[in-house]
Amino acid sequence: MKKLFVGGLSWDTDDHGLRAAFESFGDVTDAKVITDRETGRSRGFGFVTFADAASASTARDEMDGNTLDGRKVNVDIAQDRRRR
């Protein structure tokens, strides 16, 4: 439970901005905005991984529904992707 899904991101939010928004809650080991393979443009969501579960839980509670780069974001525990 260390990885968070962050949805509703602004097209302007990049990996650095995503990391910066969550660093105050603990040690961020990875922050990635998912981009379209062909256009390179943000798909409007990303993932933030914390070193420990407590930080991830706090970040989810504090950031869910808050504004980042002018957009209200939804934050939840990331679900493992099902194999196709």
Protein backbone atom coordinates (compact mmCIF):
# COMPACT_ATOMS: atom_id res chain seq x y z
CA MET A 1 0.00 0.00 0.00
CA LYS A 2 2.85 2.36 -0.78
CA LYS A 3 1.75 3.33 -4.29
CA LEU A 4 -0.93 5.94 -4.92
CA PHE A 5 -3.03 6.60 -8.02
CA VAL A 6 -3.50 10.32 -8.72
CA GLY A 7 -6.27 11.18 -11.20
CA GLY A 8 -7.61 14.43 -12.62
CA LEU A 9 -4.17 15.91 -13.26
CA SER A 10 -3.72 19.08 -15.28
CA TRP A 11 -2.13 18.61 -18.71
CA ASP A 12 0.65 20.88 -17.37
CA THR A 13 1.60 18.64 -14.43
CA ASP A 14 4.86 16.74 -15.04
CA ASP A 15 6.79 14.13 -13.03
CA HIS A 16 8.68 16.83 -11.14
CA GLY A 17 5.54 18.74 -10.20
CA LEU A 18 3.80 15.56 -9.09
CA ARG A 19 6.75 14.60 -6.89
CA ALA A 20 6.95 18.11 -5.40
CA ALA A 21 3.25 18.05 -4.47
CA PHE A 22 3.66 14.85 -2.43
CA GLU A 23 7.17 15.18 -0.92
CA SER A 24 5.89 16.99 2.17
CA PHE A 25 4.17 13.75 3.29
CA GLY A 26 7.29 11.56 3.27
CA ASP A 27 10.05 9.99 1.20
CA VAL A 28 8.82 9.73 -2.42
CA THR A 29 10.72 6.97 -4.24
CA ASP A 30 8.96 7.48 -7.58
CA ALA A 31 6.49 9.90 -9.20
CA LYS A 32 5.31 9.32 -12.75
CA VAL A 33 2.73 11.11 -14.90
CA ILE A 34 1.41 8.64 -17.48
CA THR A 35 1.72 9.92 -21.06
CA ASP A 36 0.23 8.88 -24.37
CA ARG A 37 2.70 6.70 -26.29
CA GLU A 38 2.13 8.46 -29.58
CA THR A 39 1.68 12.12 -28.64
CA GLY A 40 3.74 12.23 -25.44
CA ARG A 41 0.93 14.26 -23.85
CA SER A 42 -0.23 13.60 -20.28
CA ARG A 43 -3.17 11.21 -19.98
CA GLY A 44 -4.32 13.10 -16.88
CA PHE A 45 -3.21 10.63 -14.24
CA GLY A 46 -0.10 9.33 -12.56
CA PHE A 47 1.36 7.34 -9.71
CA VAL A 48 3.35 8.30 -6.62
CA THR A 49 5.30 5.68 -4.68
CA PHE A 50 6.37 6.24 -1.07
CA ALA A 51 9.12 4.51 0.91
CA ASP A 52 6.61 3.59 3.62
CA ALA A 53 2.88 2.86 3.81
CA ALA A 54 2.15 5.39 6.58
CA SER A 55 3.33 8.28 4.41
CA ALA A 56 1.24 7.03 1.49
CA SER A 57 -1.84 6.80 3.71
CA THR A 58 -1.37 10.33 5.05
CA ALA A 59 -0.79 11.71 1.55
CA ARG A 60 -3.97 10.05 0.29
CA ASP A 61 -6.02 11.49 3.14
CA GLU A 62 -4.58 14.99 2.75
CA MET A 63 -4.41 15.29 -1.06
CA ASP A 64 -7.65 13.60 -2.17
CA GLY A 65 -9.98 16.38 -3.36
CA ASN A 66 -7.28 19.05 -3.14
CA THR A 67 -6.12 21.24 -6.02
CA LEU A 68 -2.88 20.68 -7.93
CA ASP A 69 -1.97 23.00 -10.83
CA GLY A 70 -5.51 24.36 -10.89
CA ARG A 71 -7.25 20.98 -11.07
CA LYS A 72 -9.03 19.03 -8.30
CA VAL A 73 -7.28 15.68 -8.02
CA ASN A 74 -8.52 12.35 -6.75
CA VAL A 75 -6.01 10.22 -4.87
CA ASP A 76 -6.41 6.57 -3.94
CA ILE A 77 -4.36 3.45 -3.28
CA ALA A 78 -3.14 2.11 -6.64
CA GLN A 79 -4.63 -1.22 -7.70
CA ASP A 80 -2.46 -3.87 -9.31
CA ARG A 81 -3.20 -4.06 -13.02
CA ARG A 82 -4.93 -7.24 -14.07
CA ARG A 83 -3.09 -9.37 -16.59
CA ARG A 84 -4.72 -9.27 -20.03
